[in-house]
N, C-alpha and C. Protein backbone atom coordinates (compact mmCIF):
# COMPACT_ATOMS: atom_id res chain seq x y z
N UNK A 1 39.61 138.30 73.63
CA UNK A 1 40.10 138.33 74.81
C UNK A 1 40.51 137.01 75.36
N UNK A 2 39.54 136.17 75.24
CA UNK A 2 39.69 134.74 75.52
C UNK A 2 40.79 134.01 75.01
N UNK A 3 40.92 134.34 73.70
CA UNK A 3 42.27 133.67 73.03
C UNK A 3 43.68 134.20 73.76
N UNK A 4 43.45 135.64 73.99
CA UNK A 4 44.65 136.12 74.64
C UNK A 4 44.92 135.43 76.20
N UNK A 5 43.90 135.16 76.79
CA UNK A 5 43.81 134.45 78.10
C UNK A 5 44.56 133.01 78.05
N UNK A 6 43.82 132.33 77.19
CA UNK A 6 44.54 130.89 76.75
C UNK A 6 46.02 131.07 76.56
N UNK A 7 46.49 131.93 75.61
CA UNK A 7 47.79 132.02 75.25
C UNK A 7 48.74 132.25 76.73
N UNK A 8 48.48 133.32 77.52
CA UNK A 8 49.02 133.27 78.84
C UNK A 8 48.95 132.14 79.48
N UNK A 9 47.97 131.61 79.39
CA UNK A 9 47.51 130.36 80.38
C UNK A 9 48.21 129.00 79.98
N UNK A 10 48.72 128.76 78.81
CA UNK A 10 49.07 127.71 78.15
C UNK A 10 50.90 128.12 77.68
N UNK A 11 51.18 129.08 78.02
CA UNK A 11 52.70 129.57 77.51
C UNK A 11 53.45 128.79 78.01
N UNK A 12 53.51 128.21 79.30
CA UNK A 12 54.27 127.34 79.73
C UNK A 12 54.51 125.87 79.06
N UNK A 13 53.35 125.47 78.48
CA UNK A 13 53.56 124.10 77.39
C UNK A 13 54.46 124.56 76.22
N UNK A 14 54.29 125.70 75.62
CA UNK A 14 55.07 126.49 74.59
C UNK A 14 56.51 126.10 74.98
N UNK A 15 56.90 126.55 76.44
CA UNK A 15 58.40 126.43 76.38
C UNK A 15 58.77 125.10 76.95
N UNK A 16 57.93 124.19 77.08
CA UNK A 16 58.14 122.62 77.26
C UNK A 16 58.40 122.02 75.88
N UNK A 17 57.62 122.48 75.01
CA UNK A 17 57.77 122.04 73.50
C UNK A 17 59.07 122.41 73.07
N UNK A 18 59.31 123.72 73.20
CA UNK A 18 60.86 124.28 72.75
C UNK A 18 62.08 123.26 73.82
N UNK A 19 61.65 123.10 75.00
CA UNK A 19 62.90 122.45 75.54
C UNK A 19 62.99 121.10 74.97
N UNK A 20 61.83 120.22 74.70
CA UNK A 20 61.95 118.93 73.99
C UNK A 20 62.57 119.07 72.72
N UNK A 21 62.13 120.02 71.73
CA UNK A 21 63.00 120.20 70.78
C UNK A 21 64.59 120.30 70.83
N UNK A 22 64.95 121.15 71.76
CA UNK A 22 66.05 121.46 72.26
C UNK A 22 67.03 120.19 72.33
N UNK A 23 66.16 119.42 73.45
CA UNK A 23 66.90 118.10 73.84
C UNK A 23 67.03 117.15 72.61
N UNK A 24 66.34 116.97 71.65
CA UNK A 24 66.21 116.18 70.41
C UNK A 24 67.42 116.43 69.64
N UNK A 25 67.43 118.09 69.47
CA UNK A 25 68.67 118.44 68.61
C UNK A 25 70.08 118.42 69.29
N UNK A 26 69.92 118.39 70.58
CA UNK A 26 71.24 118.01 71.39
C UNK A 26 71.47 116.44 71.14
N UNK A 27 70.46 115.59 71.27
CA UNK A 27 70.82 114.16 70.97
C UNK A 27 71.43 113.92 69.66
N UNK A 28 70.91 114.57 68.62
CA UNK A 28 71.27 114.56 67.29
C UNK A 28 72.79 115.01 67.21
N UNK A 29 73.15 116.14 68.01
CA UNK A 29 74.66 116.56 67.70
C UNK A 29 75.51 115.64 68.56
N UNK A 30 74.92 114.97 69.57
CA UNK A 30 75.90 114.04 70.32
C UNK A 30 76.36 112.82 69.29
N UNK A 31 75.18 112.43 68.57
CA UNK A 31 75.35 111.23 67.71
C UNK A 31 76.29 111.37 66.54
N UNK A 32 76.70 112.76 66.03
CA UNK A 32 77.52 112.94 65.46
C UNK A 32 78.99 113.45 65.76
N UNK A 33 79.17 113.44 67.08
CA UNK A 33 80.31 114.20 67.87
C UNK A 33 81.30 112.97 67.68
N UNK A 34 82.70 113.43 67.52
CA UNK A 34 83.61 112.22 67.23
C UNK A 34 83.75 111.52 68.51
N UNK A 35 83.64 111.86 69.70
CA UNK A 35 84.15 110.98 70.56
C UNK A 35 82.96 110.09 70.82
N UNK A 36 81.70 110.11 70.70
CA UNK A 36 80.61 109.40 70.80
C UNK A 36 80.99 108.40 69.63
N UNK A 37 81.29 108.71 68.22
CA UNK A 37 81.53 107.58 67.23
C UNK A 37 82.66 106.81 67.69
N UNK A 38 83.77 107.37 68.42
CA UNK A 38 85.00 106.67 68.77
C UNK A 38 84.66 105.65 69.87
N UNK A 39 83.65 106.15 70.65
CA UNK A 39 83.22 105.05 71.85
C UNK A 39 82.58 104.05 71.20
N UNK A 40 81.37 104.30 70.38
CA UNK A 40 80.73 103.02 69.82
C UNK A 40 81.82 102.21 69.06
N UNK A 41 82.89 102.60 67.97
CA UNK A 41 83.62 101.99 67.74
C UNK A 41 84.40 100.97 68.50
N UNK A 42 84.79 101.42 69.88
CA UNK A 42 85.44 100.72 70.99
C UNK A 42 84.36 99.68 71.48
N UNK A 43 83.36 100.17 71.53
CA UNK A 43 82.26 99.04 72.01
C UNK A 43 82.19 97.93 71.14
N UNK A 44 82.23 98.15 69.94
CA UNK A 44 81.94 97.08 68.84
C UNK A 44 83.23 96.43 68.74
N UNK A 45 84.47 96.84 68.99
CA UNK A 45 86.04 96.26 69.17
C UNK A 45 85.81 95.15 70.20
N UNK A 46 85.43 95.83 71.34
CA UNK A 46 85.51 95.25 72.52
C UNK A 46 84.69 93.71 72.38
N UNK A 47 83.18 93.95 71.95
CA UNK A 47 82.62 92.73 71.52
C UNK A 47 83.63 91.53 70.61
N UNK A 48 84.13 92.06 69.81
CA UNK A 48 84.80 91.25 69.07
C UNK A 48 86.14 90.56 69.76
N UNK A 49 86.94 91.14 70.53
CA UNK A 49 87.72 90.41 71.45
C UNK A 49 87.36 90.73 72.89
N UNK A 50 86.38 89.87 73.18
CA UNK A 50 85.81 89.68 74.58
C UNK A 50 86.54 89.31 75.73
N UNK A 51 87.26 88.43 75.52
CA UNK A 51 87.94 87.76 76.62
C UNK A 51 89.48 88.38 77.10
N UNK A 52 90.14 88.73 76.04
CA UNK A 52 91.75 88.91 76.55
C UNK A 52 92.13 90.33 75.83
N UNK A 53 91.13 90.64 74.81
CA UNK A 53 91.35 92.01 74.47
C UNK A 53 92.38 91.96 73.22
N UNK A 54 92.87 93.12 72.87
CA UNK A 54 93.75 93.45 71.70
C UNK A 54 95.12 93.39 72.19
N UNK A 55 95.48 93.96 73.23
CA UNK A 55 96.80 94.08 73.75
C UNK A 55 97.02 95.45 74.43
N UNK A 56 97.58 95.69 75.52
CA UNK A 56 97.66 96.94 76.22
C UNK A 56 98.67 97.64 75.29
N UNK A 57 98.39 98.97 75.05
CA UNK A 57 99.37 99.99 74.25
C UNK A 57 99.27 99.81 72.85
N UNK A 58 98.20 98.93 72.42
CA UNK A 58 98.29 98.28 71.11
C UNK A 58 98.26 99.50 70.07
N UNK A 59 97.60 100.69 70.44
CA UNK A 59 97.70 101.77 69.52
C UNK A 59 98.21 103.09 69.69
N UNK A 60 99.36 102.57 70.63
CA UNK A 60 100.21 103.68 70.94
C UNK A 60 100.98 104.29 69.51
N UNK A 61 101.11 105.56 69.36
CA UNK A 61 101.79 106.13 68.59
C UNK A 61 100.44 106.43 67.25
N UNK A 62 99.38 106.38 67.71
CA UNK A 62 98.48 107.01 66.69
C UNK A 62 98.11 105.79 65.50
N UNK A 63 97.97 104.57 66.15
CA UNK A 63 97.50 103.63 64.90
C UNK A 63 96.15 102.88 65.08
N UNK A 64 95.19 103.80 65.89
CA UNK A 64 93.81 103.44 66.01
C UNK A 64 92.95 104.09 64.98
N UNK A 65 92.73 103.27 64.12
CA UNK A 65 91.80 104.07 63.15
C UNK A 65 90.29 103.78 63.29
N UNK A 66 89.99 105.15 63.40
CA UNK A 66 88.02 104.99 63.88
C UNK A 66 87.66 105.76 62.73
N UNK A 67 86.29 105.64 62.73
CA UNK A 67 85.63 105.88 61.76
C UNK A 67 85.77 107.67 61.42
N UNK A 68 86.12 108.17 62.42
CA UNK A 68 86.21 109.75 62.61
C UNK A 68 87.80 110.14 62.18
N UNK A 69 88.51 109.58 62.95
CA UNK A 69 90.10 110.00 63.04
C UNK A 69 90.99 109.05 63.38
N UNK A 70 92.19 109.17 63.28
CA UNK A 70 93.34 108.10 63.77
C UNK A 70 93.94 108.58 64.93
N UNK A 71 93.84 107.94 66.17
CA UNK A 71 94.17 108.32 67.26
C UNK A 71 94.74 107.44 68.10
N UNK A 72 95.24 107.71 69.38
CA UNK A 72 96.18 106.60 70.07
C UNK A 72 95.40 105.66 71.40
N UNK A 73 94.08 106.32 71.17
CA UNK A 73 93.20 105.37 72.50
C UNK A 73 91.81 106.04 72.27
N UNK A 74 90.90 105.42 72.77
CA UNK A 74 89.43 105.38 72.81
C UNK A 74 88.92 106.56 73.74
N UNK A 75 89.56 107.39 74.27
CA UNK A 75 89.06 108.54 75.05
C UNK A 75 88.35 108.02 76.20
N UNK A 76 88.29 106.75 76.69
CA UNK A 76 87.47 106.39 77.90
C UNK A 76 88.18 105.21 78.63
N UNK A 77 88.38 105.31 79.66
CA UNK A 77 89.16 104.31 80.51
C UNK A 77 88.43 102.84 80.48
N UNK A 78 87.14 102.96 80.63
CA UNK A 78 86.46 101.72 80.54
C UNK A 78 86.68 101.06 79.23
N UNK A 79 85.92 101.58 78.16
CA UNK A 79 86.02 101.19 76.79
C UNK A 79 87.64 100.70 76.43
N UNK A 80 88.39 101.73 76.90
CA UNK A 80 89.89 101.15 76.60
C UNK A 80 90.20 100.17 77.26
N UNK A 81 90.02 99.70 78.75
CA UNK A 81 90.34 98.64 79.15
C UNK A 81 89.45 97.22 78.53
N UNK A 82 88.20 97.26 78.13
CA UNK A 82 87.64 96.35 77.53
C UNK A 82 88.33 96.12 76.10
N UNK A 83 88.56 97.00 75.18
CA UNK A 83 89.39 96.93 73.94
C UNK A 83 90.50 96.04 74.01
N UNK A 84 91.44 96.63 75.08
CA UNK A 84 92.72 96.42 74.73
C UNK A 84 93.17 95.19 75.85
N UNK A 85 92.16 95.13 76.99
CA UNK A 85 92.62 93.94 77.94
C UNK A 85 91.35 93.03 78.35
N UNK A 86 90.31 92.95 77.65
CA UNK A 86 88.98 92.46 77.82
C UNK A 86 88.26 92.69 78.99
N UNK A 87 86.99 91.95 78.76
CA UNK A 87 85.86 92.27 79.79
C UNK A 87 86.38 91.62 81.00
N UNK A 88 87.04 90.55 81.23
CA UNK A 88 87.56 90.15 82.61
C UNK A 88 88.26 91.00 83.27
N UNK A 89 89.52 91.62 82.74
CA UNK A 89 90.29 92.81 83.30
C UNK A 89 89.28 93.83 83.65
N UNK A 90 88.40 94.10 82.81
CA UNK A 90 87.40 95.33 82.92
C UNK A 90 86.70 95.28 84.33
N UNK A 91 86.17 93.87 84.28
CA UNK A 91 85.14 93.71 85.53
C UNK A 91 86.31 93.69 86.63
N UNK A 92 87.40 93.21 86.76
CA UNK A 92 88.36 93.40 87.79
C UNK A 92 88.83 94.52 88.32
N UNK A 93 88.93 95.40 87.10
CA UNK A 93 89.29 96.93 87.55
C UNK A 93 87.89 97.69 88.03
N UNK A 94 86.83 97.20 87.69
CA UNK A 94 85.69 98.08 88.28
C UNK A 94 85.50 97.56 89.88
N UNK A 95 85.68 96.28 90.06
CA UNK A 95 85.42 95.87 91.22
C UNK A 95 86.72 96.64 92.29
N UNK A 96 87.71 96.54 91.62
CA UNK A 96 88.92 97.10 92.35
C UNK A 96 88.60 98.64 92.62
N UNK A 97 87.86 99.35 91.71
CA UNK A 97 87.61 100.86 92.02
C UNK A 97 86.48 100.75 93.09
N UNK A 98 85.59 100.07 93.03
CA UNK A 98 84.52 99.85 93.99
C UNK A 98 85.08 99.87 95.10
N UNK A 99 85.75 98.68 95.52
CA UNK A 99 86.41 98.13 96.88
C UNK A 99 87.25 99.41 97.28
N UNK A 100 88.36 100.01 96.52
CA UNK A 100 89.03 101.23 96.82
C UNK A 100 87.89 102.33 97.39
N UNK A 101 87.24 102.81 96.71
CA UNK A 101 86.25 103.79 96.95
C UNK A 101 85.55 103.51 98.55
N UNK A 102 85.05 102.40 98.58
CA UNK A 102 84.30 102.00 99.92
C UNK A 102 85.45 102.12 100.87
N UNK A 103 86.73 101.44 100.94
CA UNK A 103 87.75 101.48 101.83
C UNK A 103 88.09 103.12 102.30
N UNK A 104 88.18 103.69 101.22
CA UNK A 104 88.49 105.38 101.25
C UNK A 104 87.26 105.95 101.92
N UNK A 105 86.03 105.74 101.87
CA UNK A 105 84.97 106.31 102.73
C UNK A 105 85.11 105.75 103.99
N UNK A 106 85.09 104.53 104.35
CA UNK A 106 85.13 104.12 105.41
C UNK A 106 86.58 104.76 106.32
N UNK A 107 87.55 104.89 105.52
CA UNK A 107 88.68 105.36 106.27
C UNK A 107 88.43 107.05 106.53
N UNK A 108 87.97 107.56 105.68
CA UNK A 108 87.47 109.15 105.91
C UNK A 108 86.34 109.23 107.18
N UNK A 109 85.45 108.28 107.28
CA UNK A 109 84.41 108.47 108.26
C UNK A 109 85.05 108.02 109.93
N UNK A 110 86.01 107.35 109.80
CA UNK A 110 86.24 106.77 111.03
C UNK A 110 87.30 107.64 111.60
N UNK A 111 87.97 108.54 110.82
CA UNK A 111 88.95 109.37 111.28
C UNK A 111 88.51 110.39 112.19
N UNK A 112 88.80 110.76 113.27
CA UNK A 112 88.41 111.82 114.26
C UNK A 112 89.59 113.07 114.07
N UNK A 113 90.44 113.03 113.64
CA UNK A 113 91.50 114.00 113.62
C UNK A 113 91.20 114.96 112.48
N UNK A 114 90.98 116.21 112.52
CA UNK A 114 90.60 117.36 111.76
C UNK A 114 91.48 117.11 110.31
N UNK A 115 92.64 117.49 110.90
CA UNK A 115 93.75 117.42 109.54
C UNK A 115 93.60 116.32 108.75
N UNK A 116 93.73 115.18 109.62
CA UNK A 116 93.74 113.78 108.69
C UNK A 116 92.60 113.76 108.05
N UNK A 117 91.78 114.29 108.54
CA UNK A 117 90.13 114.19 107.66
C UNK A 117 90.21 114.87 106.42
N UNK A 118 91.09 116.03 106.48
CA UNK A 118 91.09 116.90 105.23
C UNK A 118 92.11 116.18 104.36
N UNK A 119 93.09 115.47 104.78
CA UNK A 119 94.02 114.58 104.05
C UNK A 119 92.99 113.47 103.20
N UNK A 120 92.38 112.94 104.12
CA UNK A 120 91.64 111.77 103.47
C UNK A 120 90.66 112.49 102.36
N UNK A 121 89.94 113.60 102.78
CA UNK A 121 88.95 113.97 101.81
C UNK A 121 89.76 114.41 100.46
N UNK A 122 90.81 114.83 100.68
CA UNK A 122 91.49 115.16 99.19
C UNK A 122 91.90 114.04 98.39
N UNK A 123 92.03 113.07 99.22
CA UNK A 123 92.52 111.63 98.60
C UNK A 123 90.95 111.20 97.76
N UNK A 124 89.91 111.41 98.52
CA UNK A 124 88.90 111.31 97.93
C UNK A 124 88.64 111.90 96.84
N UNK A 125 88.86 113.28 96.88
CA UNK A 125 88.34 114.07 95.95
C UNK A 125 89.30 113.93 94.48
N UNK A 126 90.60 113.49 94.93
CA UNK A 126 91.45 113.23 93.66
C UNK A 126 91.02 111.92 93.08
N UNK A 127 90.57 111.00 93.78
CA UNK A 127 89.88 109.83 93.20
C UNK A 127 89.09 109.94 92.77
N UNK A 128 87.74 110.53 93.13
CA UNK A 128 86.63 110.92 92.20
C UNK A 128 86.99 111.78 91.05
N UNK A 129 87.85 112.83 90.81
CA UNK A 129 88.27 113.44 89.77
C UNK A 129 88.91 112.42 88.64
N UNK A 130 89.66 111.83 89.22
CA UNK A 130 90.28 110.75 88.32
C UNK A 130 89.54 110.14 87.65
N UNK A 131 88.34 109.41 88.58
CA UNK A 131 87.39 108.62 87.49
C UNK A 131 86.48 109.45 86.74
N UNK A 132 86.21 110.50 87.08
CA UNK A 132 85.38 111.45 85.87
C UNK A 132 86.26 111.68 84.96
N UNK A 133 87.30 111.87 84.95
CA UNK A 133 88.25 112.32 84.02
C UNK A 133 88.49 111.08 83.23
N UNK A 134 88.61 109.97 83.81
CA UNK A 134 88.49 108.66 83.04
C UNK A 134 87.42 108.46 82.06
N UNK A 135 86.40 109.36 82.13
CA UNK A 135 85.51 108.98 81.46
C UNK A 135 85.75 109.77 79.80
N UNK A 136 86.70 110.48 79.91
CA UNK A 136 86.89 111.18 78.47
C UNK A 136 88.41 111.05 78.26
N UNK A 137 89.34 110.52 79.10
CA UNK A 137 90.68 110.04 78.77
C UNK A 137 91.00 108.74 79.41
N UNK A 138 91.96 108.06 78.70
CA UNK A 138 92.29 106.93 79.79
C UNK A 138 93.49 107.17 80.53
N UNK A 139 93.38 107.55 81.86
CA UNK A 139 94.52 107.92 82.63
C UNK A 139 95.68 107.27 82.95
N UNK A 140 95.34 106.24 82.60
CA UNK A 140 96.58 105.23 82.86
C UNK A 140 97.62 104.94 81.91
N UNK A 141 97.36 105.78 80.76
CA UNK A 141 98.51 105.89 79.53
C UNK A 141 99.30 107.24 79.94
N UNK A 142 98.84 108.11 80.97
CA UNK A 142 99.70 109.07 81.56
C UNK A 142 100.45 108.73 82.76
N UNK A 143 101.40 108.02 82.83
CA UNK A 143 101.84 107.38 83.92
C UNK A 143 102.43 108.44 85.08
N UNK A 144 102.60 109.37 84.89
CA UNK A 144 102.99 110.54 85.81
C UNK A 144 101.65 110.92 86.65
N UNK A 145 100.73 111.21 86.00
CA UNK A 145 99.61 111.38 86.63
C UNK A 145 98.91 110.36 87.51
N UNK A 146 98.88 109.30 86.90
CA UNK A 146 98.63 107.99 87.32
C UNK A 146 99.42 107.77 88.64
N UNK A 147 100.92 108.21 88.67
CA UNK A 147 101.50 107.98 89.61
C UNK A 147 101.03 108.57 90.76
N UNK A 148 100.99 110.08 90.35
CA UNK A 148 100.59 111.03 91.59
C UNK A 148 99.16 110.72 92.04
N UNK A 149 98.18 110.27 91.36
CA UNK A 149 96.91 109.92 91.98
C UNK A 149 96.91 108.89 93.04
N UNK A 150 97.78 107.90 92.87
CA UNK A 150 98.19 106.71 93.49
C UNK A 150 98.79 107.16 94.69
N UNK A 151 99.71 108.10 94.77
CA UNK A 151 100.57 108.34 95.80
C UNK A 151 99.55 109.20 96.50
N UNK A 152 98.59 110.12 96.37
CA UNK A 152 97.97 111.06 97.08
C UNK A 152 97.07 110.09 97.82
N UNK A 153 96.53 109.00 97.18
CA UNK A 153 95.31 108.07 97.62
C UNK A 153 96.17 107.18 98.69
N UNK A 154 97.44 106.73 98.47
CA UNK A 154 98.08 106.06 99.62
C UNK A 154 98.50 106.98 100.61
N UNK A 155 98.89 108.17 100.77
CA UNK A 155 98.97 109.13 101.71
C UNK A 155 98.03 109.06 102.39
N UNK A 156 96.59 109.26 101.88
CA UNK A 156 95.61 109.34 102.65
C UNK A 156 95.12 107.99 103.43
N UNK A 157 95.91 106.89 102.82
CA UNK A 157 95.49 105.69 103.81
C UNK A 157 96.66 105.51 104.82
N UNK A 158 97.81 106.30 104.81
CA UNK A 158 99.01 106.11 105.52
C UNK A 158 98.79 107.02 106.76
N UNK A 159 98.03 107.94 106.56
CA UNK A 159 97.80 108.72 107.87
C UNK A 159 96.70 107.92 108.61
N UNK A 160 97.21 107.38 109.77
CA UNK A 160 96.25 106.41 110.73
C UNK A 160 95.58 107.30 111.64
N UNK A 161 94.72 106.44 112.39
CA UNK A 161 93.90 106.89 113.43
C UNK A 161 94.49 106.90 114.76
N UNK A 162 95.76 106.36 115.10
CA UNK A 162 96.40 106.11 116.17
C UNK A 162 97.37 107.30 116.29
N UNK A 163 97.52 107.85 117.50
CA UNK A 163 98.20 108.97 118.00
C UNK A 163 99.30 108.41 118.75
N UNK A 164 100.67 108.76 118.42
CA UNK A 164 101.46 108.10 119.37
C UNK A 164 101.67 108.99 120.85
N UNK A 165 101.66 108.23 121.69
CA UNK A 165 101.84 108.80 123.17
C UNK A 165 103.41 108.66 123.60
N UNK A 166 104.01 109.72 123.89
CA UNK A 166 105.23 109.49 124.49
C UNK A 166 105.21 109.41 125.88
N UNK A 167 105.76 108.58 126.55
CA UNK A 167 105.54 108.31 128.09
C UNK A 167 106.79 108.68 128.79
């Protein structure tokens, strides 16, 4: 009876062990995932071409030979920028993204008009989505999408706080 009580008492520990085992097997699955290997290859190449990179659109047409497959890009906007344009450009790009995000947030919070706030919120949502999507695809190679994203962001900035009054 005491053994049965211990089994019920420490049952949550068994669940924790199973969760740790599941996490370890998930990490092992990620290490053999194609994108993970492509990301590692990109980081290695970025270290080899640190300052100026290999050149924008260098792998267009499927000329990027990775250990897994032949592809057109590194499937990550930050790794792609580091490899093709260098670390300096990557740092400038990250600073641009941070400043733009801060400006968009300030622009959103200072707006009093409800409709304009929705437009600014939509611009913020599109911006955040594009950054998250950029973790898996370099969006600047898809020119039409990139143009649409920055058009929406520009519209969110254009709608200003001033109301024109007719005298």
